[in-house]
């Protein structure tokens, strides 16, 4: 993405071709199996959603500016955070008044975020903060900060994310067919896909919903970080197991789908605890989830890999719940 594209608030598509052109050796697509249609789940946008395009500004949240220090919280345990039940009905219920999680001093050097597979479900994306397009689910403020190996923030990097909706389906008519199961609603939308540039603190915030699961994979969020339009790392982030078990056991928009059939530890792509998001429930019932992403100082530097470059157990992407 050029600097002009970053400054222009209108949507800017990124295609799979754009991303694949910049991929390093070893970022092979995951092997796939059949993904059947999801049954028994609401396929219409939730009434409480914030609508399609979001604000498109790429600005950090109003909940405080990120510092250049390290991130708060220890690798991935859910905190009680706020009082009461989890929120539902999507991002429309979010207050936006969330604390800055990036406050602790992380030290003089940061460990690189290593590559994991791109996977088969990347598709055209849109520059925006709210990626939900009004779909239901537990609202999540996803706060990501991009720094280099000296822990210095990277301004103007672009962070591209994509993940499933609560029912386990990806969106987009240009995604691989098995990612959408041929579902007409999934094909006609581009939910839970978005890209934004980082601010002066290296921070970017997305408003999204807790992802769903499909057979053979733990719940995850894909991301790519680019600088000057060049891909620096493509990898994945995961959620704490206890939090996932709680939501799929009792949350009204997840419980009917049953518990995921794959844990973080049994997922063949999972890179370890350092790829689990730190999480905290907020006073409005939303989830604050955050992670610092550490990229190479130069493309000439070696890109590390977690080893999670293959497909999920069983050799392919399995069906979503009820499929």
C-alpha atoms as a PDB file:
ATOM      1  CA  UNK A   1       0.000   0.000   0.000  1.00  0.00           C
ATOM      2  CA  UNK A   2       1.351   3.397  -0.912  1.00  0.00           C
ATOM      3  CA  UNK A   3       1.388   6.347   1.476  1.00  0.00           C
ATOM      4  CA  UNK A   4      -1.360   7.950  -0.600  1.00  0.00           C
ATOM      5  CA  UNK A   5      -3.520   4.869  -0.154  1.00  0.00           C
ATOM      6  CA  UNK A   6      -2.972   4.907   3.602  1.00  0.00           C
ATOM      7  CA  UNK A   7      -3.995   8.580   3.875  1.00  0.00           C
ATOM      8  CA  UNK A   8      -7.099   8.141   1.717  1.00  0.00           C
ATOM      9  CA  UNK A   9     -10.003   7.202   4.038  1.00  0.00           C
ATOM     10  CA  UNK A  10     -11.960   5.421   1.317  1.00  0.00           C
ATOM     11  CA  UNK A  11     -11.874   1.592   1.195  1.00  0.00           C
ATOM     12  CA  UNK A  12      -8.816   0.124  -0.508  1.00  0.00           C
ATOM     13  CA  UNK A  13      -8.886  -3.541  -1.538  1.00  0.00           C
ATOM     14  CA  UNK A  14      -5.941  -5.873  -1.039  1.00  0.00           C
ATOM     15  CA  UNK A  15      -6.112  -8.948  -3.251  1.00  0.00           C
ATOM     16  CA  UNK A  16      -4.723 -12.384  -2.675  1.00  0.00           C
ATOM     17  CA  UNK A  17      -2.408 -11.740  -5.623  1.00  0.00           C
ATOM     18  CA  UNK A  18      -0.967  -8.712  -3.833  1.00  0.00           C
ATOM     19  CA  UNK A  19      -0.221 -10.738  -0.741  1.00  0.00           C
ATOM     20  CA  UNK A  20       1.113 -13.829  -2.482  1.00  0.00           C
ATOM     21  CA  UNK A  21       3.506 -11.684  -4.517  1.00  0.00           C
ATOM     22  CA  UNK A  22       5.243 -10.724  -1.299  1.00  0.00           C
ATOM     23  CA  UNK A  23       5.235 -14.085   0.415  1.00  0.00           C
ATOM     24  CA  UNK A  24       8.578 -15.601   1.378  1.00  0.00           C
ATOM     25  CA  UNK A  25       9.582 -19.176   0.727  1.00  0.00           C
ATOM     26  CA  UNK A  26       7.785 -21.672   2.881  1.00  0.00           C
ATOM     27  CA  UNK A  27       4.469 -19.840   3.220  1.00  0.00           C
ATOM     28  CA  UNK A  28       2.646 -22.585   1.400  1.00  0.00           C
ATOM     29  CA  UNK A  29      -1.113 -22.826   1.411  1.00  0.00           C
ATOM     30  CA  UNK A  30      -2.553 -25.289   3.881  1.00  0.00           C
ATOM     31  CA  UNK A  31      -3.884 -28.536   2.388  1.00  0.00           C
ATOM     32  CA  UNK A  32      -7.640 -28.557   2.304  1.00  0.00           C
ATOM     33  CA  UNK A  33     -10.524 -30.929   2.709  1.00  0.00           C
ATOM     34  CA  UNK A  34     -14.204 -30.466   2.078  1.00  0.00           C
ATOM     35  CA  UNK A  35     -16.030 -27.835   4.089  1.00  0.00           C
ATOM     36  CA  UNK A  36     -19.749 -28.428   4.146  1.00  0.00           C
ATOM     37  CA  UNK A  37     -22.505 -25.916   4.724  1.00  0.00           C
ATOM     38  CA  UNK A  38     -23.286 -24.792   8.233  1.00  0.00           C
ATOM     39  CA  UNK A  39     -26.789 -25.646   9.354  1.00  0.00           C
ATOM     40  CA  UNK A  40     -28.980 -24.325  12.086  1.00  0.00           C
ATOM     41  CA  UNK A  41     -27.155 -21.003  12.519  1.00  0.00           C
ATOM     42  CA  UNK A  42     -28.472 -17.519  11.876  1.00  0.00           C
ATOM     43  CA  UNK A  43     -26.977 -16.214   8.635  1.00  0.00           C
ATOM     44  CA  UNK A  44     -28.335 -12.705   8.877  1.00  0.00           C
ATOM     45  CA  UNK A  45     -26.473  -9.775  10.379  1.00  0.00           C
ATOM     46  CA  UNK A  46     -27.233  -9.156  14.040  1.00  0.00           C
ATOM     47  CA  UNK A  47     -29.500  -6.259  14.779  1.00  0.00           C
ATOM     48  CA  UNK A  48     -26.998  -4.771  17.186  1.00  0.00           C
ATOM     49  CA  UNK A  49     -24.165  -4.604  14.650  1.00  0.00           C
ATOM     50  CA  UNK A  50     -22.394  -1.446  13.714  1.00  0.00           C
ATOM     51  CA  UNK A  51     -22.874  -1.764   9.979  1.00  0.00           C
ATOM     52  CA  UNK A  52     -20.620  -2.565   7.091  1.00  0.00           C
ATOM     53  CA  UNK A  53     -17.746  -0.247   6.383  1.00  0.00           C
ATOM     54  CA  UNK A  54     -16.713   0.995   9.811  1.00  0.00           C
ATOM     55  CA  UNK A  55     -15.078   4.377  10.124  1.00  0.00           C
ATOM     56  CA  UNK A  56     -12.220   3.625   7.711  1.00  0.00           C
ATOM     57  CA  UNK A  57      -9.914   6.025   9.519  1.00  0.00           C
ATOM     58  CA  UNK A  58      -7.303   3.627  10.808  1.00  0.00           C
ATOM     59  CA  UNK A  59      -7.066   5.650  14.034  1.00  0.00           C
ATOM     60  CA  UNK A  60      -6.394   4.135  17.444  1.00  0.00           C
ATOM     61  CA  UNK A  61      -9.240   3.828  19.914  1.00  0.00           C
ATOM     62  CA  UNK A  62     -10.355   6.523  22.262  1.00  0.00           C
ATOM     63  CA  UNK A  63      -9.386   4.330  25.172  1.00  0.00           C
ATOM     64  CA  UNK A  64      -5.921   5.855  25.554  1.00  0.00           C
ATOM     65  CA  UNK A  65      -2.802   6.109  23.441  1.00  0.00           C
ATOM     66  CA  UNK A  66      -0.337   3.258  23.359  1.00  0.00           C
ATOM     67  CA  UNK A  67       3.080   3.810  24.830  1.00  0.00           C
ATOM     68  CA  UNK A  68       6.335   2.531  23.395  1.00  0.00           C
ATOM     69  CA  UNK A  69       6.663   0.091  26.269  1.00  0.00           C
ATOM     70  CA  UNK A  70       5.692  -3.561  26.444  1.00  0.00           C
ATOM     71  CA  UNK A  71       2.249  -5.073  26.802  1.00  0.00           C
ATOM     72  CA  UNK A  72       0.354  -5.682  29.983  1.00  0.00           C
ATOM     73  CA  UNK A  73      -0.820  -9.104  30.987  1.00  0.00           C
ATOM     74  CA  UNK A  74       0.869 -12.464  30.798  1.00  0.00           C
ATOM     75  CA  UNK A  75       0.436 -14.562  27.643  1.00  0.00           C
ATOM     76  CA  UNK A  76      -3.172 -15.250  27.304  1.00  0.00           C
ATOM     77  CA  UNK A  77      -5.044 -15.858  30.546  1.00  0.00           C
ATOM     78  CA  UNK A  78      -8.527 -14.366  30.613  1.00  0.00           C
ATOM     79  CA  UNK A  79      -9.186 -11.837  33.351  1.00  0.00           C
ATOM     80  CA  UNK A  80     -12.501 -11.090  35.025  1.00  0.00           C
ATOM     81  CA  UNK A  81     -12.047  -7.473  33.916  1.00  0.00           C
ATOM     82  CA  UNK A  82     -15.604  -6.183  34.233  1.00  0.00           C
ATOM     83  CA  UNK A  83     -18.786  -7.162  36.025  1.00  0.00           C
ATOM     84  CA  UNK A  84     -21.825  -8.984  34.712  1.00  0.00           C
ATOM     85  CA  UNK A  85     -22.412 -11.147  31.660  1.00  0.00           C
ATOM     86  CA  UNK A  86     -20.594 -11.097  28.349  1.00  0.00           C
ATOM     87  CA  UNK A  87     -22.043  -8.728  25.768  1.00  0.00           C
ATOM     88  CA  UNK A  88     -23.734 -10.055  22.632  1.00  0.00           C
ATOM     89  CA  UNK A  89     -25.240  -8.892  19.320  1.00  0.00           C
ATOM     90  CA  UNK A  90     -21.966  -7.663  17.855  1.00  0.00           C
ATOM     91  CA  UNK A  91     -19.948  -4.480  17.924  1.00  0.00           C
ATOM     92  CA  UNK A  92     -22.925  -2.141  18.192  1.00  0.00           C
ATOM     93  CA  UNK A  93     -22.959  -2.729  21.955  1.00  0.00           C
ATOM     94  CA  UNK A  94     -19.367  -1.557  22.492  1.00  0.00           C
ATOM     95  CA  UNK A  95     -18.749   1.555  24.591  1.00  0.00           C
ATOM     96  CA  UNK A  96     -15.203   2.044  23.266  1.00  0.00           C
ATOM     97  CA  UNK A  97     -14.004   3.245  26.663  1.00  0.00           C
ATOM     98  CA  UNK A  98     -11.225   0.699  27.135  1.00  0.00           C
ATOM     99  CA  UNK A  99      -7.890   0.984  28.861  1.00  0.00           C
ATOM    100  CA  UNK A 100      -4.517   1.045  27.112  1.00  0.00           C
ATOM    101  CA  UNK A 101      -3.088  -2.473  27.499  1.00  0.00           C
ATOM    102  CA  UNK A 102       0.395  -1.527  26.264  1.00  0.00           C
ATOM    103  CA  UNK A 103       1.895  -0.025  29.398  1.00  0.00           C
ATOM    104  CA  UNK A 104       4.594  -2.332  30.780  1.00  0.00           C
ATOM    105  CA  UNK A 105       8.250  -1.947  29.829  1.00  0.00           C
ATOM    106  CA  UNK A 106       9.113  -4.801  27.516  1.00  0.00           C
ATOM    107  CA  UNK A 107      12.876  -4.355  27.701  1.00  0.00           C
ATOM    108  CA  UNK A 108      15.524  -3.489  25.137  1.00  0.00           C
ATOM    109  CA  UNK A 109      14.929  -6.354  22.711  1.00  0.00           C
ATOM    110  CA  UNK A 110      11.795  -8.079  21.413  1.00  0.00           C
ATOM    111  CA  UNK A 111      11.496 -11.660  20.158  1.00  0.00           C
ATOM    112  CA  UNK A 112      10.408 -11.925  16.527  1.00  0.00           C
ATOM    113  CA  UNK A 113       6.874 -12.929  15.654  1.00  0.00           C
ATOM    114  CA  UNK A 114       7.383 -15.962  13.424  1.00  0.00           C
ATOM    115  CA  UNK A 115       5.472 -17.016  10.338  1.00  0.00           C
ATOM    116  CA  UNK A 116       2.581 -19.458  10.157  1.00  0.00           C
ATOM    117  CA  UNK A 117       0.741 -20.542   7.039  1.00  0.00           C
ATOM    118  CA  UNK A 118      -1.361 -18.039   5.103  1.00  0.00           C
ATOM    119  CA  UNK A 119      -4.072 -20.672   4.792  1.00  0.00           C
ATOM    120  CA  UNK A 120      -6.591 -20.972   1.965  1.00  0.00           C
ATOM    121  CA  UNK A 121      -9.093 -18.348   3.144  1.00  0.00           C
ATOM    122  CA  UNK A 122      -7.362 -15.048   2.425  1.00  0.00           C
ATOM    123  CA  UNK A 123      -9.480 -12.791   0.199  1.00  0.00           C
ATOM    124  CA  UNK A 124      -9.880  -9.155  -0.754  1.00  0.00           C
ATOM    125  CA  UNK A 125      -9.907  -6.906   2.285  1.00  0.00           C
ATOM    126  CA  UNK A 126     -11.096  -3.379   3.128  1.00  0.00           C
ATOM    127  CA  UNK A 127      -9.447  -0.560   5.063  1.00  0.00           C
ATOM    128  CA  UNK A 128     -11.640  -0.125   8.155  1.00  0.00           C
ATOM    129  CA  UNK A 129     -11.693  -0.374  11.931  1.00  0.00           C
ATOM    130  CA  UNK A 130     -15.013  -2.198  12.428  1.00  0.00           C
ATOM    131  CA  UNK A 131     -14.808  -5.426  10.439  1.00  0.00           C
ATOM    132  CA  UNK A 132     -18.028  -7.022  11.704  1.00  0.00           C
ATOM    133  CA  UNK A 133     -20.508  -5.786   9.069  1.00  0.00           C
ATOM    134  CA  UNK A 134     -23.177  -6.051  11.765  1.00  0.00           C
ATOM    135  CA  UNK A 135     -22.836  -9.790  12.366  1.00  0.00           C
ATOM    136  CA  UNK A 136     -23.571 -11.213  15.822  1.00  0.00           C
ATOM    137  CA  UNK A 137     -21.136 -12.414  18.440  1.00  0.00           C
ATOM    138  CA  UNK A 138     -19.203 -11.359  21.509  1.00  0.00           C
ATOM    139  CA  UNK A 139     -17.767  -7.906  20.657  1.00  0.00           C
ATOM    140  CA  UNK A 140     -13.975  -7.743  20.742  1.00  0.00           C
ATOM    141  CA  UNK A 141     -11.609  -4.780  20.696  1.00  0.00           C
ATOM    142  CA  UNK A 142      -8.497  -6.294  19.080  1.00  0.00           C
ATOM    143  CA  UNK A 143      -5.508  -4.071  19.895  1.00  0.00           C
ATOM    144  CA  UNK A 144      -2.278  -4.868  18.062  1.00  0.00           C
ATOM    145  CA  UNK A 145       1.039  -3.063  18.247  1.00  0.00           C
ATOM    146  CA  UNK A 146       3.824  -3.454  15.696  1.00  0.00           C
ATOM    147  CA  UNK A 147       7.429  -2.963  16.826  1.00  0.00           C
ATOM    148  CA  UNK A 148      10.886  -3.928  15.561  1.00  0.00           C
ATOM    149  CA  UNK A 149      13.440  -6.137  17.322  1.00  0.00           C
ATOM    150  CA  UNK A 150      14.600  -3.156  19.394  1.00  0.00           C
ATOM    151  CA  UNK A 151      10.990  -2.683  20.588  1.00  0.00           C
ATOM    152  CA  UNK A 152      10.687   0.580  18.648  1.00  0.00           C
ATOM    153  CA  UNK A 153       7.157   1.192  17.304  1.00  0.00           C
ATOM    154  CA  UNK A 154       6.628   1.058  13.530  1.00  0.00           C
ATOM    155  CA  UNK A 155       4.392   3.840  12.249  1.00  0.00           C
ATOM    156  CA  UNK A 156       2.543   3.370   8.955  1.00  0.00           C
ATOM    157  CA  UNK A 157       2.801  -0.412   8.827  1.00  0.00           C
ATOM    158  CA  UNK A 158      -0.437  -2.056   7.679  1.00  0.00           C
ATOM    159  CA  UNK A 159      -2.031  -4.851   9.656  1.00  0.00           C
ATOM    160  CA  UNK A 160      -4.436  -7.069   7.703  1.00  0.00           C
ATOM    161  CA  UNK A 161      -6.681  -9.477   9.653  1.00  0.00           C
ATOM    162  CA  UNK A 162      -9.235 -12.114   8.698  1.00  0.00           C
ATOM    163  CA  UNK A 163     -11.181 -14.765  10.617  1.00  0.00           C
ATOM    164  CA  UNK A 164     -14.485 -16.640  10.686  1.00  0.00           C
ATOM    165  CA  UNK A 165     -17.818 -15.476  12.028  1.00  0.00           C
ATOM    166  CA  UNK A 166     -19.289 -17.212  15.082  1.00  0.00           C
ATOM    167  CA  UNK A 167     -20.654 -20.099  12.979  1.00  0.00           C
ATOM    168  CA  UNK A 168     -17.218 -21.009  11.601  1.00  0.00           C
ATOM    169  CA  UNK A 169     -17.547 -19.644   8.052  1.00  0.00           C
ATOM    170  CA  UNK A 170     -15.241 -17.205   6.280  1.00  0.00           C
ATOM    171  CA  UNK A 171     -16.626 -14.601   3.880  1.00  0.00           C
ATOM    172  CA  UNK A 172     -15.927 -13.468   0.324  1.00  0.00           C
ATOM    173  CA  UNK A 173     -16.732 -14.759  -3.141  1.00  0.00           C
ATOM    174  CA  UNK A 174     -13.004 -14.730  -3.946  1.00  0.00           C
ATOM    175  CA  UNK A 175     -12.076 -17.029  -1.053  1.00  0.00           C
ATOM    176  CA  UNK A 176     -11.475 -20.710  -1.760  1.00  0.00           C
ATOM    177  CA  UNK A 177     -14.912 -22.346  -2.057  1.00  0.00           C
ATOM    178  CA  UNK A 178     -14.493 -24.611   0.946  1.00  0.00           C
ATOM    179  CA  UNK A 179     -13.878 -21.572   3.194  1.00  0.00           C
ATOM    180  CA  UNK A 180     -17.438 -20.316   2.655  1.00  0.00           C
ATOM    181  CA  UNK A 181     -19.097 -23.708   2.066  1.00  0.00           C
ATOM    182  CA  UNK A 182     -20.886 -22.090  -0.861  1.00  0.00           C
ATOM    183  CA  UNK A 183     -23.113 -20.265   1.628  1.00  0.00           C
ATOM    184  CA  UNK A 184     -24.810 -17.412  -0.271  1.00  0.00           C
ATOM    185  CA  UNK A 185     -24.695 -15.049   2.680  1.00  0.00           C
ATOM    186  CA  UNK A 186     -20.971 -15.668   3.207  1.00  0.00           C
ATOM    187  CA  UNK A 187     -20.262 -15.225  -0.505  1.00  0.00           C
ATOM    188  CA  UNK A 188     -22.103 -11.905  -0.685  1.00  0.00           C
ATOM    189  CA  UNK A 189     -20.329 -10.310   2.303  1.00  0.00           C
ATOM    190  CA  UNK A 190     -16.794  -9.551   3.404  1.00  0.00           C
ATOM    191  CA  UNK A 191     -17.295  -9.812   7.138  1.00  0.00           C
ATOM    192  CA  UNK A 192     -14.382 -10.103   9.553  1.00  0.00           C
ATOM    193  CA  UNK A 193     -11.798  -8.881   7.074  1.00  0.00           C
ATOM    194  CA  UNK A 194     -10.001  -5.568   7.403  1.00  0.00           C
ATOM    195  CA  UNK A 195      -6.715  -3.693   7.162  1.00  0.00           C
ATOM    196  CA  UNK A 196      -5.446  -0.526   8.857  1.00  0.00           C
ATOM    197  CA  UNK A 197      -2.196   1.457   9.178  1.00  0.00           C
ATOM    198  CA  UNK A 198      -0.476   1.725  12.555  1.00  0.00           C
ATOM    199  CA  UNK A 199      -0.270   5.056  14.381  1.00  0.00           C
ATOM    200  CA  UNK A 200       2.844   6.756  15.786  1.00  0.00           C
ATOM    201  CA  UNK A 201       2.905   4.197  18.626  1.00  0.00           C
ATOM    202  CA  UNK A 202       2.745   1.270  16.220  1.00  0.00           C
ATOM    203  CA  UNK A 203      -0.802   0.551  17.345  1.00  0.00           C
ATOM    204  CA  UNK A 204      -3.911  -0.417  15.437  1.00  0.00           C
ATOM    205  CA  UNK A 205      -7.344  -1.311  16.830  1.00  0.00           C
ATOM    206  CA  UNK A 206     -10.042  -3.435  15.213  1.00  0.00           C
ATOM    207  CA  UNK A 207     -13.610  -3.857  16.427  1.00  0.00           C
ATOM    208  CA  UNK A 208     -14.650  -7.413  15.698  1.00  0.00           C
ATOM    209  CA  UNK A 209     -16.379 -10.438  17.261  1.00  0.00           C
ATOM    210  CA  UNK A 210     -15.025 -13.613  18.827  1.00  0.00           C
ATOM    211  CA  UNK A 211     -14.397 -16.083  15.973  1.00  0.00           C
ATOM    212  CA  UNK A 212     -16.081 -19.439  15.538  1.00  0.00           C
ATOM    213  CA  UNK A 213     -14.521 -22.823  14.924  1.00  0.00           C
ATOM    214  CA  UNK A 214     -14.408 -25.437  12.203  1.00  0.00           C
ATOM    215  CA  UNK A 215     -13.200 -29.011  12.476  1.00  0.00           C
ATOM    216  CA  UNK A 216      -9.446 -29.567  12.729  1.00  0.00           C
ATOM    217  CA  UNK A 217      -8.493 -26.045  13.866  1.00  0.00           C
ATOM    218  CA  UNK A 218      -8.385 -24.209  17.147  1.00  0.00           C
ATOM    219  CA  UNK A 219     -10.046 -20.792  17.127  1.00  0.00           C
ATOM    220  CA  UNK A 220      -7.647 -18.287  15.544  1.00  0.00           C
ATOM    221  CA  UNK A 221      -7.182 -14.963  13.776  1.00  0.00           C
ATOM    222  CA  UNK A 222      -4.973 -14.639  10.699  1.00  0.00           C
ATOM    223  CA  UNK A 223      -2.865 -11.533  10.147  1.00  0.00           C
ATOM    224  CA  UNK A 224      -0.281 -10.078   7.795  1.00  0.00           C
ATOM    225  CA  UNK A 225       1.980  -7.106   8.578  1.00  0.00           C
ATOM    226  CA  UNK A 226       3.320  -5.072   5.651  1.00  0.00           C
ATOM    227  CA  UNK A 227       5.684  -2.104   5.563  1.00  0.00           C
ATOM    228  CA  UNK A 228       5.826  -0.025   2.402  1.00  0.00           C
ATOM    229  CA  UNK A 229       3.548  -2.578   0.754  1.00  0.00           C
ATOM    230  CA  UNK A 230       6.026  -5.414   1.406  1.00  0.00           C
ATOM    231  CA  UNK A 231       5.012  -8.398   3.517  1.00  0.00           C
ATOM    232  CA  UNK A 232       7.117  -8.746   6.681  1.00  0.00           C
ATOM    233  CA  UNK A 233       5.250 -11.554   8.409  1.00  0.00           C
ATOM    234  CA  UNK A 234       2.075 -13.600   8.008  1.00  0.00           C
ATOM    235  CA  UNK A 235       0.997 -15.520  11.079  1.00  0.00           C
ATOM    236  CA  UNK A 236      -1.905 -16.368  13.409  1.00  0.00           C
ATOM    237  CA  UNK A 237      -3.149 -15.501  16.898  1.00  0.00           C
ATOM    238  CA  UNK A 238      -5.088 -17.746  19.276  1.00  0.00           C
ATOM    239  CA  UNK A 239      -7.331 -17.378  22.330  1.00  0.00           C
ATOM    240  CA  UNK A 240      -7.039 -18.748  25.873  1.00  0.00           C
ATOM    241  CA  UNK A 241      -8.579 -22.216  26.152  1.00  0.00           C
ATOM    242  CA  UNK A 242     -10.514 -21.399  29.329  1.00  0.00           C
ATOM    243  CA  UNK A 243     -12.161 -18.415  27.676  1.00  0.00           C
ATOM    244  CA  UNK A 244     -13.149 -20.416  24.587  1.00  0.00           C
ATOM    245  CA  UNK A 245     -14.612 -23.180  26.762  1.00  0.00           C
ATOM    246  CA  UNK A 246     -16.615 -20.613  28.748  1.00  0.00           C
ATOM    247  CA  UNK A 247     -18.063 -18.897  25.683  1.00  0.00           C
ATOM    248  CA  UNK A 248     -18.952 -22.077  23.810  1.00  0.00           C
ATOM    249  CA  UNK A 249     -20.458 -23.433  26.995  1.00  0.00           C
ATOM    250  CA  UNK A 250     -22.739 -20.554  27.938  1.00  0.00           C
ATOM    251  CA  UNK A 251     -22.738 -17.545  25.581  1.00  0.00           C
ATOM    252  CA  UNK A 252     -26.076 -17.345  23.720  1.00  0.00           C
ATOM    253  CA  UNK A 253     -24.411 -16.823  20.320  1.00  0.00           C
ATOM    254  CA  UNK A 254     -21.881 -19.663  20.698  1.00  0.00           C
ATOM    255  CA  UNK A 255     -23.216 -22.347  23.064  1.00  0.00           C
ATOM    256  CA  UNK A 256     -25.509 -23.976  20.494  1.00  0.00           C
ATOM    257  CA  UNK A 257     -22.469 -24.642  18.281  1.00  0.00           C
ATOM    258  CA  UNK A 258     -20.789 -26.902  20.833  1.00  0.00           C
ATOM    259  CA  UNK A 259     -17.209 -26.965  22.038  1.00  0.00           C
ATOM    260  CA  UNK A 260     -14.426 -26.852  19.389  1.00  0.00           C
ATOM    261  CA  UNK A 261     -13.097 -30.273  18.446  1.00  0.00           C
ATOM    262  CA  UNK A 262      -9.494 -28.983  18.421  1.00  0.00           C
ATOM    263  CA  UNK A 263      -7.579 -27.308  21.242  1.00  0.00           C
ATOM    264  CA  UNK A 264      -4.619 -24.993  20.855  1.00  0.00           C
ATOM    265  CA  UNK A 265      -2.242 -27.763  21.858  1.00  0.00           C
ATOM    266  CA  UNK A 266      -3.729 -30.270  19.372  1.00  0.00           C
ATOM    267  CA  UNK A 267      -3.759 -27.784  16.472  1.00  0.00           C
ATOM    268  CA  UNK A 268      -0.914 -28.596  14.061  1.00  0.00           C
ATOM    269  CA  UNK A 269      -0.386 -24.900  13.208  1.00  0.00           C
ATOM    270  CA  UNK A 270      -0.403 -23.502  16.756  1.00  0.00           C
ATOM    271  CA  UNK A 271       2.913 -21.801  17.497  1.00  0.00           C
ATOM    272  CA  UNK A 272       2.893 -21.841  21.301  1.00  0.00           C
ATOM    273  CA  UNK A 273       1.742 -19.666  24.201  1.00  0.00           C
ATOM    274  CA  UNK A 274       3.471 -16.591  22.797  1.00  0.00           C
ATOM    275  CA  UNK A 275       0.795 -16.536  20.056  1.00  0.00           C
ATOM    276  CA  UNK A 276      -2.111 -16.517  22.519  1.00  0.00           C
ATOM    277  CA  UNK A 277      -3.790 -13.152  22.911  1.00  0.00           C
ATOM    278  CA  UNK A 278      -3.910 -11.509  26.322  1.00  0.00           C
ATOM    279  CA  UNK A 279      -7.558 -10.898  27.168  1.00  0.00           C
ATOM    280  CA  UNK A 280      -9.697  -8.998  29.650  1.00  0.00           C
ATOM    281  CA  UNK A 281     -13.434  -8.525  30.022  1.00  0.00           C
ATOM    282  CA  UNK A 282     -14.494  -4.884  29.981  1.00  0.00           C
ATOM    283  CA  UNK A 283     -17.202  -3.146  31.982  1.00  0.00           C
ATOM    284  CA  UNK A 284     -19.607  -3.178  29.006  1.00  0.00           C
ATOM    285  CA  UNK A 285     -19.190  -6.952  28.620  1.00  0.00           C
ATOM    286  CA  UNK A 286     -16.916  -6.681  25.583  1.00  0.00           C
ATOM    287  CA  UNK A 287     -13.555  -8.428  25.357  1.00  0.00           C
ATOM    288  CA  UNK A 288     -10.288  -6.512  25.111  1.00  0.00           C
ATOM    289  CA  UNK A 289      -7.677  -8.698  23.402  1.00  0.00           C
ATOM    290  CA  UNK A 290      -4.146  -7.555  22.657  1.00  0.00           C
ATOM    291  CA  UNK A 291      -0.728  -8.589  21.389  1.00  0.00           C
ATOM    292  CA  UNK A 292       2.565  -6.984  20.374  1.00  0.00           C
ATOM    293  CA  UNK A 293       3.793  -8.130  16.940  1.00  0.00           C
ATOM    294  CA  UNK A 294       7.544  -7.961  16.418  1.00  0.00           C
ATOM    295  CA  UNK A 295       8.727  -7.727  12.807  1.00  0.00           C
ATOM    296  CA  UNK A 296      12.118  -7.889  11.152  1.00  0.00           C
ATOM    297  CA  UNK A 297      14.058  -4.669  10.830  1.00  0.00           C
ATOM    298  CA  UNK A 298      14.709  -5.474   7.173  1.00  0.00           C
ATOM    299  CA  UNK A 299      13.440  -7.914   4.565  1.00  0.00           C
ATOM    300  CA  UNK A 300      17.066  -8.992   4.216  1.00  0.00           C
ATOM    301  CA  UNK A 301      16.833 -10.493   7.712  1.00  0.00           C
ATOM    302  CA  UNK A 302      15.751 -14.116   7.969  1.00  0.00           C
ATOM    303  CA  UNK A 303      12.047 -14.775   8.506  1.00  0.00           C
ATOM    304  CA  UNK A 304      11.556 -17.272  11.301  1.00  0.00           C
ATOM    305  CA  UNK A 305       8.812 -19.902  11.232  1.00  0.00           C
ATOM    306  CA  UNK A 306       6.983 -21.648  14.065  1.00  0.00           C
ATOM    307  CA  UNK A 307       6.876 -24.847  12.037  1.00  0.00           C
ATOM    308  CA  UNK A 308       3.099 -24.406  11.762  1.00  0.00           C
ATOM    309  CA  UNK A 309       3.135 -24.210   7.996  1.00  0.00           C
ATOM    310  CA  UNK A 310       1.117 -27.312   7.178  1.00  0.00           C
ATOM    311  CA  UNK A 311      -2.550 -28.153   7.246  1.00  0.00           C
ATOM    312  CA  UNK A 312      -4.768 -29.050  10.177  1.00  0.00           C
ATOM    313  CA  UNK A 313      -5.029 -32.624  11.486  1.00  0.00           C
ATOM    314  CA  UNK A 314      -6.628 -34.996   9.032  1.00  0.00           C
ATOM    315  CA  UNK A 315      -5.123 -33.266   5.993  1.00  0.00           C
ATOM    316  CA  UNK A 316      -7.750 -30.633   5.419  1.00  0.00           C
ATOM    317  CA  UNK A 317     -10.079 -27.930   6.630  1.00  0.00           C
ATOM    318  CA  UNK A 318     -13.056 -29.642   8.219  1.00  0.00           C
ATOM    319  CA  UNK A 319     -16.680 -28.547   8.415  1.00  0.00           C
ATOM    320  CA  UNK A 320     -18.004 -25.854  10.728  1.00  0.00           C
ATOM    321  CA  UNK A 321     -20.280 -26.864  13.640  1.00  0.00           C
ATOM    322  CA  UNK A 322     -23.416 -28.591  12.395  1.00  0.00           C
ATOM    323  CA  UNK A 323     -21.974 -28.930   8.899  1.00  0.00           C
END
